[in-house]
C-alpha cells in the first residue's frame, strides 16, 4: 500500500507518519500493493482530525475522524475503514460487475465471507407531499418540525432540494447538479 500523507496546520513528524503507516498499513491485507491511501492530518483549535481516502475502481473508501488527540483519531479511522471494507466486500459479492473491482483488492479479502453485524435496515418509511417553497421557508418549516433536515421542491428551480442544520446554528442546502 502506498501512502500520501499531508498536514494542514500541523507538521507531519516522523512519529505521526510512522503511526499512520503502521495503523492504516494494517489494511494492506485487503488491498493490492499499488493501492494508494491519501491521508490528511489537520488541527483546528482542540480538534485533531484525520481524513483517509482510498480510491478503488468504481468507488471510494473514505473516513474522517476527529478527537482531541491525533493518535486516537488515527486509531478510530482505521477501525471505521475496516468496518466499511467488510460491508463493501459483502456488497461486492452480490454485485454482478464485481470482477472490475478485483484489481484493487487482495484475492483473500474477496474470497472471505464477513458477517454483516451492522446490516443496514430501513425500519420506517414516510410519504409526504413536496410543496414548492424557497430554501429559507424550508428552514423555517424544518425548525417548526424539530428536524435536522427537510426535503422540499425549490420554488426557484422546481427541483427537489434538502436543507439541513449545521453546527454553529447555520444551515446547508443540497441541490442536484445540472
N, C-alpha and C. Protein backbone atom coordinates (compact mmCIF):
# COMPACT_ATOMS: atom_id res chain seq x y z
N UNK A 1 0.85 -1.18 0.00
CA UNK A 1 0.00 0.00 0.00
C UNK A 1 0.90 1.24 0.00
N UNK A 2 0.50 2.22 -0.79
CA UNK A 2 1.25 3.46 -0.86
C UNK A 2 0.51 4.54 -0.08
N UNK A 3 1.28 5.40 0.59
CA UNK A 3 0.68 6.46 1.39
C UNK A 3 1.08 7.83 0.86
N UNK A 4 0.09 8.73 0.79
CA UNK A 4 0.34 10.14 0.51
C UNK A 4 -0.18 10.86 1.75
N UNK A 5 0.74 11.34 2.57
CA UNK A 5 0.37 11.95 3.85
C UNK A 5 0.67 13.44 3.80
N UNK A 6 -0.36 14.23 4.11
CA UNK A 6 -0.21 15.69 4.10
C UNK A 6 -0.72 16.25 5.43
N UNK A 7 -0.27 17.43 5.78
CA UNK A 7 -0.71 18.08 7.01
C UNK A 7 -1.24 19.47 6.75
N UNK A 8 -2.31 19.82 7.46
CA UNK A 8 -2.87 21.18 7.42
C UNK A 8 -2.78 21.72 8.84
N UNK A 9 -2.07 22.80 9.01
CA UNK A 9 -1.87 23.41 10.33
C UNK A 9 -1.16 22.46 11.30
N UNK A 10 -0.42 21.50 10.75
CA UNK A 10 0.33 20.57 11.58
C UNK A 10 1.51 20.05 10.77
N UNK A 11 2.64 19.91 11.43
CA UNK A 11 3.81 19.33 10.79
C UNK A 11 3.70 17.81 10.92
N UNK A 12 3.83 17.12 9.80
CA UNK A 12 3.77 15.66 9.82
C UNK A 12 5.15 15.15 10.25
N UNK A 13 5.27 14.86 11.54
CA UNK A 13 6.54 14.39 12.09
C UNK A 13 6.77 12.93 11.71
N UNK A 14 7.98 12.47 11.94
CA UNK A 14 8.29 11.06 11.67
C UNK A 14 7.41 10.14 12.52
N UNK A 15 7.16 10.54 13.78
CA UNK A 15 6.31 9.72 14.67
C UNK A 15 4.87 9.64 14.14
N UNK A 16 4.33 10.77 13.68
CA UNK A 16 2.97 10.76 13.13
C UNK A 16 2.93 9.93 11.84
N UNK A 17 3.91 10.13 10.97
CA UNK A 17 3.96 9.37 9.72
C UNK A 17 4.04 7.87 10.02
N UNK A 18 4.86 7.51 11.00
CA UNK A 18 5.01 6.10 11.38
C UNK A 18 3.69 5.55 11.95
N UNK A 19 3.02 6.35 12.79
CA UNK A 19 1.74 5.91 13.37
C UNK A 19 0.70 5.68 12.28
N UNK A 20 0.63 6.58 11.31
CA UNK A 20 -0.33 6.44 10.21
C UNK A 20 0.00 5.20 9.39
N UNK A 21 1.27 5.05 9.01
CA UNK A 21 1.66 3.92 8.18
C UNK A 21 1.46 2.59 8.91
N UNK A 22 1.71 2.56 10.22
CA UNK A 22 1.51 1.32 10.99
C UNK A 22 0.02 0.99 11.09
N UNK A 23 -0.78 1.97 11.48
CA UNK A 23 -2.20 1.71 11.72
C UNK A 23 -2.96 1.49 10.41
N UNK A 24 -2.84 2.42 9.48
CA UNK A 24 -3.54 2.28 8.20
C UNK A 24 -2.91 1.14 7.39
N UNK A 25 -1.62 0.88 7.64
CA UNK A 25 -0.93 -0.22 6.99
C UNK A 25 -1.54 -1.58 7.31
N UNK A 26 -2.26 -1.68 8.42
CA UNK A 26 -2.96 -2.92 8.76
C UNK A 26 -3.99 -3.27 7.70
N UNK A 27 -4.44 -2.28 6.96
CA UNK A 27 -5.44 -2.50 5.92
C UNK A 27 -4.83 -3.09 4.66
N UNK A 28 -3.49 -3.19 4.62
CA UNK A 28 -2.82 -3.75 3.44
C UNK A 28 -3.33 -5.14 3.08
N UNK A 29 -3.77 -5.87 4.08
CA UNK A 29 -4.24 -7.24 3.81
C UNK A 29 -5.48 -7.25 2.91
N UNK A 30 -6.14 -6.10 2.77
CA UNK A 30 -7.33 -6.02 1.94
C UNK A 30 -7.02 -5.54 0.52
N UNK A 31 -5.96 -4.75 0.36
CA UNK A 31 -5.68 -4.09 -0.91
C UNK A 31 -4.45 -4.65 -1.61
N UNK A 32 -4.39 -4.38 -2.90
CA UNK A 32 -3.20 -4.74 -3.67
C UNK A 32 -2.08 -3.75 -3.31
N UNK A 33 -0.82 -4.13 -3.53
CA UNK A 33 0.30 -3.25 -3.14
C UNK A 33 0.31 -1.88 -3.81
N UNK A 34 -0.29 -1.75 -4.99
CA UNK A 34 -0.26 -0.45 -5.67
C UNK A 34 -1.42 0.47 -5.30
N UNK A 35 -2.25 0.05 -4.35
CA UNK A 35 -3.36 0.90 -3.89
C UNK A 35 -2.79 2.08 -3.11
N UNK A 36 -3.34 3.26 -3.39
CA UNK A 36 -2.85 4.48 -2.75
C UNK A 36 -3.84 5.00 -1.71
N UNK A 37 -3.36 5.26 -0.52
CA UNK A 37 -4.18 5.84 0.54
C UNK A 37 -3.77 7.29 0.72
N UNK A 38 -4.73 8.19 0.56
CA UNK A 38 -4.46 9.61 0.75
C UNK A 38 -4.89 9.99 2.16
N UNK A 39 -3.94 10.47 2.94
CA UNK A 39 -4.18 10.79 4.35
C UNK A 39 -3.89 12.26 4.59
N UNK A 40 -4.86 12.95 5.20
CA UNK A 40 -4.66 14.35 5.55
C UNK A 40 -4.86 14.51 7.05
N UNK A 41 -3.84 15.03 7.71
CA UNK A 41 -3.91 15.32 9.15
C UNK A 41 -4.11 16.83 9.28
N UNK A 42 -5.03 17.23 10.16
CA UNK A 42 -5.24 18.67 10.35
C UNK A 42 -5.57 18.98 11.80
N UNK A 43 -5.30 20.21 12.17
CA UNK A 43 -5.57 20.68 13.53
C UNK A 43 -6.34 21.99 13.44
N UNK A 44 -7.46 22.04 14.16
CA UNK A 44 -8.26 23.26 14.30
C UNK A 44 -8.61 23.40 15.77
N UNK A 45 -8.00 24.34 16.43
CA UNK A 45 -8.17 24.52 17.88
C UNK A 45 -7.84 23.21 18.58
N UNK A 46 -8.79 22.61 19.31
CA UNK A 46 -8.53 21.35 20.03
C UNK A 46 -8.89 20.12 19.19
N UNK A 47 -9.29 20.34 17.94
CA UNK A 47 -9.74 19.24 17.09
C UNK A 47 -8.57 18.68 16.28
N UNK A 48 -8.26 17.41 16.51
CA UNK A 48 -7.20 16.72 15.77
C UNK A 48 -7.91 15.79 14.79
N UNK A 49 -7.83 16.11 13.50
CA UNK A 49 -8.62 15.41 12.50
C UNK A 49 -7.73 14.65 11.53
N UNK A 50 -8.19 13.45 11.17
CA UNK A 50 -7.54 12.67 10.12
C UNK A 50 -8.60 12.31 9.09
N UNK A 51 -8.25 12.49 7.82
CA UNK A 51 -9.11 12.10 6.71
C UNK A 51 -8.34 11.08 5.88
N UNK A 52 -8.96 9.95 5.61
CA UNK A 52 -8.33 8.91 4.79
C UNK A 52 -9.24 8.63 3.61
N UNK A 53 -8.67 8.69 2.42
CA UNK A 53 -9.41 8.40 1.19
C UNK A 53 -8.64 7.35 0.41
N UNK A 54 -9.32 6.25 0.08
CA UNK A 54 -8.69 5.18 -0.68
C UNK A 54 -9.55 4.94 -1.93
N UNK A 55 -9.11 5.46 -3.07
CA UNK A 55 -9.88 5.23 -4.29
C UNK A 55 -9.71 3.79 -4.77
N UNK A 56 -10.81 3.14 -5.05
CA UNK A 56 -10.80 1.81 -5.64
C UNK A 56 -11.67 1.89 -6.89
N UNK A 57 -11.48 0.98 -7.79
CA UNK A 57 -12.23 1.05 -9.05
C UNK A 57 -13.73 1.08 -8.77
N UNK A 58 -14.39 2.12 -9.25
CA UNK A 58 -15.83 2.21 -9.12
C UNK A 58 -16.33 2.78 -7.81
N UNK A 59 -15.43 3.09 -6.87
CA UNK A 59 -15.89 3.58 -5.57
C UNK A 59 -14.74 4.27 -4.83
N UNK A 60 -15.07 4.79 -3.64
CA UNK A 60 -14.08 5.41 -2.78
C UNK A 60 -14.34 4.92 -1.36
N UNK A 61 -13.29 4.47 -0.69
CA UNK A 61 -13.39 4.13 0.72
C UNK A 61 -12.87 5.35 1.46
N UNK A 62 -13.69 5.93 2.35
CA UNK A 62 -13.31 7.18 2.99
C UNK A 62 -13.80 7.23 4.43
N UNK A 63 -12.97 7.82 5.28
CA UNK A 63 -13.39 8.07 6.65
C UNK A 63 -12.68 9.31 7.16
N UNK A 64 -13.36 9.97 8.08
CA UNK A 64 -12.83 11.18 8.71
C UNK A 64 -13.13 11.05 10.20
N UNK A 65 -12.11 11.21 11.02
CA UNK A 65 -12.31 11.09 12.46
C UNK A 65 -11.66 12.26 13.17
N UNK A 66 -12.31 12.72 14.24
CA UNK A 66 -11.84 13.86 15.00
C UNK A 66 -11.81 13.50 16.48
N UNK A 67 -10.76 13.91 17.16
CA UNK A 67 -10.69 13.77 18.62
C UNK A 67 -9.74 14.86 19.12
N UNK A 68 -9.44 14.85 20.41
CA UNK A 68 -8.52 15.84 20.93
C UNK A 68 -7.07 15.33 20.92
N UNK A 69 -6.85 14.12 20.36
CA UNK A 69 -5.51 13.52 20.26
C UNK A 69 -5.38 12.88 18.89
N UNK A 70 -4.37 13.28 18.13
CA UNK A 70 -4.21 12.77 16.77
C UNK A 70 -4.04 11.26 16.73
N UNK A 71 -3.35 10.70 17.71
CA UNK A 71 -3.14 9.25 17.72
C UNK A 71 -4.45 8.49 17.96
N UNK A 72 -5.34 9.06 18.75
CA UNK A 72 -6.66 8.48 18.96
C UNK A 72 -7.45 8.54 17.65
N UNK A 73 -7.37 9.67 16.96
CA UNK A 73 -8.05 9.83 15.67
C UNK A 73 -7.55 8.80 14.66
N UNK A 74 -6.25 8.56 14.66
CA UNK A 74 -5.67 7.57 13.74
C UNK A 74 -6.22 6.18 14.05
N UNK A 75 -6.29 5.83 15.33
CA UNK A 75 -6.85 4.51 15.73
C UNK A 75 -8.30 4.38 15.28
N UNK A 76 -9.08 5.43 15.51
CA UNK A 76 -10.50 5.40 15.17
C UNK A 76 -10.73 5.24 13.67
N UNK A 77 -9.96 5.96 12.88
CA UNK A 77 -10.17 5.93 11.44
C UNK A 77 -9.86 4.54 10.87
N UNK A 78 -8.88 3.88 11.41
CA UNK A 78 -8.54 2.53 10.94
C UNK A 78 -9.68 1.56 11.22
N UNK A 79 -10.27 1.64 12.40
CA UNK A 79 -11.39 0.75 12.76
C UNK A 79 -12.60 0.99 11.84
N UNK A 80 -12.90 2.25 11.57
CA UNK A 80 -14.05 2.60 10.74
C UNK A 80 -13.84 2.08 9.31
N UNK A 81 -12.66 2.28 8.76
CA UNK A 81 -12.40 1.83 7.39
C UNK A 81 -12.47 0.32 7.31
N UNK A 82 -11.95 -0.37 8.31
CA UNK A 82 -12.02 -1.83 8.28
C UNK A 82 -13.47 -2.30 8.28
N UNK A 83 -14.31 -1.66 9.09
CA UNK A 83 -15.74 -2.00 9.12
C UNK A 83 -16.39 -1.72 7.77
N UNK A 84 -16.04 -0.59 7.17
CA UNK A 84 -16.58 -0.24 5.85
C UNK A 84 -16.17 -1.28 4.81
N UNK A 85 -14.93 -1.72 4.88
CA UNK A 85 -14.44 -2.69 3.90
C UNK A 85 -15.20 -4.00 3.99
N UNK A 86 -15.51 -4.43 5.19
CA UNK A 86 -16.25 -5.69 5.35
C UNK A 86 -17.66 -5.56 4.78
N UNK A 87 -18.29 -4.41 4.98
CA UNK A 87 -19.61 -4.17 4.38
C UNK A 87 -19.49 -4.10 2.86
N UNK A 88 -18.47 -3.40 2.40
CA UNK A 88 -18.26 -3.23 0.97
C UNK A 88 -18.00 -4.57 0.30
N UNK A 89 -17.27 -5.43 0.97
CA UNK A 89 -16.96 -6.75 0.42
C UNK A 89 -18.24 -7.54 0.21
N UNK A 90 -19.15 -7.50 1.17
CA UNK A 90 -20.42 -8.22 1.02
C UNK A 90 -21.23 -7.64 -0.14
N UNK A 91 -21.15 -6.35 -0.33
CA UNK A 91 -21.83 -5.72 -1.47
C UNK A 91 -21.20 -6.20 -2.78
N UNK A 92 -19.87 -6.29 -2.79
CA UNK A 92 -19.17 -6.78 -3.98
C UNK A 92 -19.59 -8.19 -4.35
N UNK A 93 -19.76 -9.01 -3.34
CA UNK A 93 -20.13 -10.41 -3.58
C UNK A 93 -21.47 -10.51 -4.30
N UNK A 94 -22.35 -9.55 -4.04
CA UNK A 94 -23.67 -9.56 -4.66
C UNK A 94 -23.70 -8.78 -5.98
N UNK A 95 -22.61 -8.12 -6.30
CA UNK A 95 -22.54 -7.26 -7.48
C UNK A 95 -22.14 -8.09 -8.70
N UNK A 96 -22.93 -8.01 -9.75
CA UNK A 96 -22.66 -8.75 -10.98
C UNK A 96 -21.34 -8.29 -11.60
N UNK A 97 -21.03 -7.01 -11.44
CA UNK A 97 -19.81 -6.46 -12.04
C UNK A 97 -18.64 -6.48 -11.08
N UNK A 98 -18.66 -7.36 -10.10
CA UNK A 98 -17.61 -7.42 -9.08
C UNK A 98 -16.24 -7.63 -9.67
N UNK A 99 -16.15 -8.26 -10.82
CA UNK A 99 -14.85 -8.54 -11.43
C UNK A 99 -14.04 -7.27 -11.67
N UNK A 100 -14.72 -6.15 -11.93
CA UNK A 100 -13.99 -4.91 -12.20
C UNK A 100 -13.31 -4.37 -10.94
N UNK A 101 -13.73 -4.81 -9.76
CA UNK A 101 -13.16 -4.34 -8.50
C UNK A 101 -11.94 -5.15 -8.08
N UNK A 102 -11.77 -6.31 -8.69
CA UNK A 102 -10.75 -7.24 -8.24
C UNK A 102 -9.34 -6.67 -8.30
N UNK A 103 -9.09 -5.75 -9.21
CA UNK A 103 -7.74 -5.23 -9.34
C UNK A 103 -7.33 -4.37 -8.15
N UNK A 104 -8.26 -3.93 -7.31
CA UNK A 104 -7.95 -3.10 -6.15
C UNK A 104 -7.76 -3.90 -4.87
N UNK A 105 -8.30 -5.12 -4.82
CA UNK A 105 -8.33 -5.86 -3.57
C UNK A 105 -7.54 -7.16 -3.63
N UNK A 106 -7.05 -7.58 -2.47
CA UNK A 106 -6.36 -8.86 -2.34
C UNK A 106 -7.35 -9.99 -2.61
N UNK A 107 -6.88 -11.06 -3.20
CA UNK A 107 -7.73 -12.20 -3.53
C UNK A 107 -8.34 -12.80 -2.26
N UNK A 108 -7.56 -12.88 -1.17
CA UNK A 108 -8.04 -13.46 0.09
C UNK A 108 -9.22 -12.66 0.65
N UNK A 109 -9.14 -11.34 0.52
CA UNK A 109 -10.22 -10.48 1.02
C UNK A 109 -11.51 -10.75 0.25
N UNK A 110 -11.40 -10.87 -1.06
CA UNK A 110 -12.59 -11.08 -1.89
C UNK A 110 -13.20 -12.46 -1.67
N UNK A 111 -12.37 -13.44 -1.29
CA UNK A 111 -12.87 -14.81 -1.11
C UNK A 111 -13.45 -15.05 0.27
N UNK A 112 -13.05 -14.26 1.27
CA UNK A 112 -13.50 -14.47 2.64
C UNK A 112 -14.91 -13.90 2.84
N UNK A 113 -15.71 -14.63 3.62
CA UNK A 113 -17.05 -14.15 3.97
C UNK A 113 -16.98 -13.41 5.30
N UNK A 114 -17.65 -12.28 5.37
CA UNK A 114 -17.71 -11.49 6.60
C UNK A 114 -19.15 -11.42 7.07
N UNK A 115 -19.31 -11.48 8.38
CA UNK A 115 -20.65 -11.35 8.96
C UNK A 115 -21.10 -9.90 8.83
N UNK A 116 -22.34 -9.72 8.51
CA UNK A 116 -22.89 -8.36 8.41
C UNK A 116 -23.49 -7.99 9.76
N UNK A 117 -22.60 -7.55 10.67
CA UNK A 117 -23.06 -7.21 12.01
C UNK A 117 -23.82 -5.89 12.05
N UNK A 118 -23.48 -4.99 11.16
CA UNK A 118 -24.14 -3.69 11.13
C UNK A 118 -24.96 -3.55 9.86
N UNK A 119 -25.74 -4.58 9.56
CA UNK A 119 -26.53 -4.56 8.34
C UNK A 119 -27.48 -3.38 8.35
N UNK A 120 -27.58 -2.73 7.23
CA UNK A 120 -28.47 -1.56 7.12
C UNK A 120 -29.90 -2.04 6.99
N UNK A 121 -30.75 -1.56 7.88
CA UNK A 121 -32.16 -1.94 7.86
C UNK A 121 -33.00 -0.68 7.89
N UNK A 122 -33.86 -0.55 6.92
CA UNK A 122 -34.80 0.57 6.93
C UNK A 122 -36.00 0.11 7.75
N UNK A 123 -36.24 0.81 8.85
CA UNK A 123 -37.30 0.38 9.77
C UNK A 123 -38.54 1.26 9.69
N UNK A 124 -38.45 2.35 8.93
CA UNK A 124 -39.61 3.23 8.83
C UNK A 124 -39.59 3.95 7.49
N UNK A 125 -40.75 4.08 6.90
CA UNK A 125 -40.90 4.83 5.65
C UNK A 125 -41.94 5.91 5.84
N UNK A 126 -41.74 7.02 5.14
CA UNK A 126 -42.71 8.11 5.20
C UNK A 126 -43.01 8.58 3.79
N UNK A 127 -44.24 9.00 3.57
CA UNK A 127 -44.63 9.63 2.32
C UNK A 127 -45.25 10.97 2.68
N UNK A 128 -44.92 11.98 1.88
CA UNK A 128 -45.48 13.29 2.14
C UNK A 128 -45.48 14.10 0.85
N UNK A 129 -46.34 15.10 0.82
CA UNK A 129 -46.40 16.00 -0.33
C UNK A 129 -45.19 16.92 -0.30
N UNK A 130 -44.56 17.07 -1.44
CA UNK A 130 -43.46 18.01 -1.55
C UNK A 130 -44.01 19.28 -2.17
N UNK A 131 -44.06 20.32 -1.36
CA UNK A 131 -44.64 21.58 -1.81
C UNK A 131 -43.54 22.53 -2.26
N UNK A 132 -43.78 23.27 -3.34
CA UNK A 132 -42.78 24.26 -3.77
C UNK A 132 -42.63 25.35 -2.70
N UNK A 133 -41.38 25.65 -2.36
CA UNK A 133 -41.09 26.72 -1.41
C UNK A 133 -39.66 27.18 -1.61
N UNK A 134 -39.32 28.29 -1.00
CA UNK A 134 -37.97 28.81 -1.07
C UNK A 134 -37.14 28.18 0.04
N UNK A 135 -35.82 28.08 -0.15
CA UNK A 135 -34.96 27.45 0.86
C UNK A 135 -35.13 28.05 2.27
N UNK A 136 -35.30 29.35 2.35
CA UNK A 136 -35.46 29.99 3.66
C UNK A 136 -36.74 29.50 4.35
N UNK A 137 -37.82 29.35 3.55
CA UNK A 137 -39.08 28.84 4.10
C UNK A 137 -38.93 27.39 4.54
N UNK A 138 -38.14 26.62 3.79
CA UNK A 138 -37.90 25.22 4.15
C UNK A 138 -37.16 25.14 5.48
N UNK A 139 -36.22 26.07 5.71
CA UNK A 139 -35.50 26.10 7.00
C UNK A 139 -36.46 26.38 8.15
N UNK A 140 -37.36 27.31 7.93
CA UNK A 140 -38.36 27.63 8.96
C UNK A 140 -39.24 26.41 9.23
N UNK A 141 -39.68 25.74 8.18
CA UNK A 141 -40.52 24.54 8.33
C UNK A 141 -39.76 23.45 9.09
N UNK A 142 -38.48 23.27 8.75
CA UNK A 142 -37.64 22.28 9.43
C UNK A 142 -37.56 22.58 10.93
N UNK A 143 -37.36 23.85 11.27
CA UNK A 143 -37.28 24.25 12.68
C UNK A 143 -38.61 23.99 13.39
N UNK A 144 -39.72 24.32 12.72
CA UNK A 144 -41.03 24.10 13.33
C UNK A 144 -41.28 22.62 13.62
N UNK A 145 -40.78 21.75 12.74
CA UNK A 145 -40.95 20.31 12.93
C UNK A 145 -39.93 19.72 13.91
N UNK A 146 -38.86 20.46 14.20
CA UNK A 146 -37.83 19.96 15.10
C UNK A 146 -36.92 18.92 14.44
N UNK A 147 -36.80 18.99 13.11
CA UNK A 147 -35.96 18.03 12.38
C UNK A 147 -34.58 18.63 12.11
N UNK A 148 -33.64 17.78 11.70
CA UNK A 148 -32.31 18.27 11.37
C UNK A 148 -32.13 18.43 9.86
N UNK A 149 -33.13 18.01 9.07
CA UNK A 149 -33.11 18.22 7.63
C UNK A 149 -34.55 18.31 7.13
N UNK A 150 -34.71 18.82 5.92
CA UNK A 150 -36.05 18.96 5.36
C UNK A 150 -35.97 18.85 3.84
N UNK A 151 -36.79 18.00 3.24
CA UNK A 151 -36.83 17.79 1.80
C UNK A 151 -37.98 18.64 1.24
N UNK A 152 -37.69 19.36 0.16
CA UNK A 152 -38.71 20.23 -0.41
C UNK A 152 -38.45 20.44 -1.90
N UNK A 153 -39.43 20.97 -2.59
CA UNK A 153 -39.28 21.33 -4.00
C UNK A 153 -38.93 22.82 -4.04
N UNK A 154 -37.77 23.13 -4.59
CA UNK A 154 -37.32 24.51 -4.64
C UNK A 154 -38.18 25.29 -5.64
N UNK A 155 -38.86 26.34 -5.16
CA UNK A 155 -39.76 27.13 -5.99
C UNK A 155 -39.01 27.86 -7.11
N UNK A 156 -37.72 28.13 -6.92
CA UNK A 156 -36.93 28.83 -7.94
C UNK A 156 -36.48 27.91 -9.06
N UNK A 157 -36.12 26.67 -8.70
CA UNK A 157 -35.55 25.75 -9.71
C UNK A 157 -36.49 24.61 -10.08
N UNK A 158 -37.55 24.42 -9.31
CA UNK A 158 -38.50 23.32 -9.50
C UNK A 158 -37.83 21.94 -9.38
N UNK A 159 -36.78 21.87 -8.55
CA UNK A 159 -36.09 20.61 -8.29
C UNK A 159 -36.18 20.26 -6.81
N UNK A 160 -36.03 18.96 -6.51
CA UNK A 160 -36.04 18.52 -5.12
C UNK A 160 -34.71 18.92 -4.48
N UNK A 161 -34.79 19.59 -3.34
CA UNK A 161 -33.62 20.04 -2.57
C UNK A 161 -33.76 19.57 -1.14
N UNK A 162 -32.67 19.67 -0.39
CA UNK A 162 -32.67 19.35 1.04
C UNK A 162 -31.96 20.49 1.77
N UNK A 163 -32.59 20.99 2.82
CA UNK A 163 -31.90 21.90 3.73
C UNK A 163 -31.57 21.11 4.98
N UNK A 164 -30.46 21.44 5.61
CA UNK A 164 -30.06 20.72 6.82
C UNK A 164 -29.40 21.67 7.80
N UNK A 165 -29.46 21.28 9.05
CA UNK A 165 -28.90 22.09 10.13
C UNK A 165 -27.42 21.78 10.27
N UNK A 166 -26.61 22.80 10.38
CA UNK A 166 -25.17 22.65 10.54
C UNK A 166 -24.77 23.15 11.92
N UNK A 167 -23.52 22.89 12.27
CA UNK A 167 -23.00 23.40 13.54
C UNK A 167 -22.99 24.92 13.52
N UNK A 168 -23.04 25.52 14.67
CA UNK A 168 -22.99 26.98 14.75
C UNK A 168 -24.29 27.64 14.35
N UNK A 169 -25.40 26.89 14.44
CA UNK A 169 -26.73 27.42 14.14
C UNK A 169 -26.81 28.00 12.73
N UNK A 170 -26.18 27.29 11.78
CA UNK A 170 -26.26 27.67 10.37
C UNK A 170 -26.96 26.56 9.60
N UNK A 171 -27.22 26.80 8.32
CA UNK A 171 -27.95 25.84 7.50
C UNK A 171 -27.18 25.52 6.23
N UNK A 172 -27.46 24.36 5.69
CA UNK A 172 -26.87 23.94 4.42
C UNK A 172 -27.98 23.63 3.43
N UNK A 173 -27.66 23.69 2.15
CA UNK A 173 -28.62 23.41 1.09
C UNK A 173 -27.98 22.40 0.15
N UNK A 174 -28.68 21.31 -0.14
CA UNK A 174 -28.22 20.31 -1.09
C UNK A 174 -29.11 20.39 -2.32
N UNK A 175 -28.45 20.61 -3.47
CA UNK A 175 -29.16 20.72 -4.74
C UNK A 175 -28.59 19.70 -5.72
N UNK A 176 -29.39 19.18 -6.63
CA UNK A 176 -28.85 18.28 -7.65
C UNK A 176 -28.01 19.08 -8.65
N UNK A 177 -27.00 18.41 -9.21
CA UNK A 177 -26.20 19.07 -10.24
C UNK A 177 -27.01 19.20 -11.51
N UNK A 178 -26.73 20.24 -12.25
CA UNK A 178 -27.49 20.49 -13.51
C UNK A 178 -27.12 19.49 -14.57
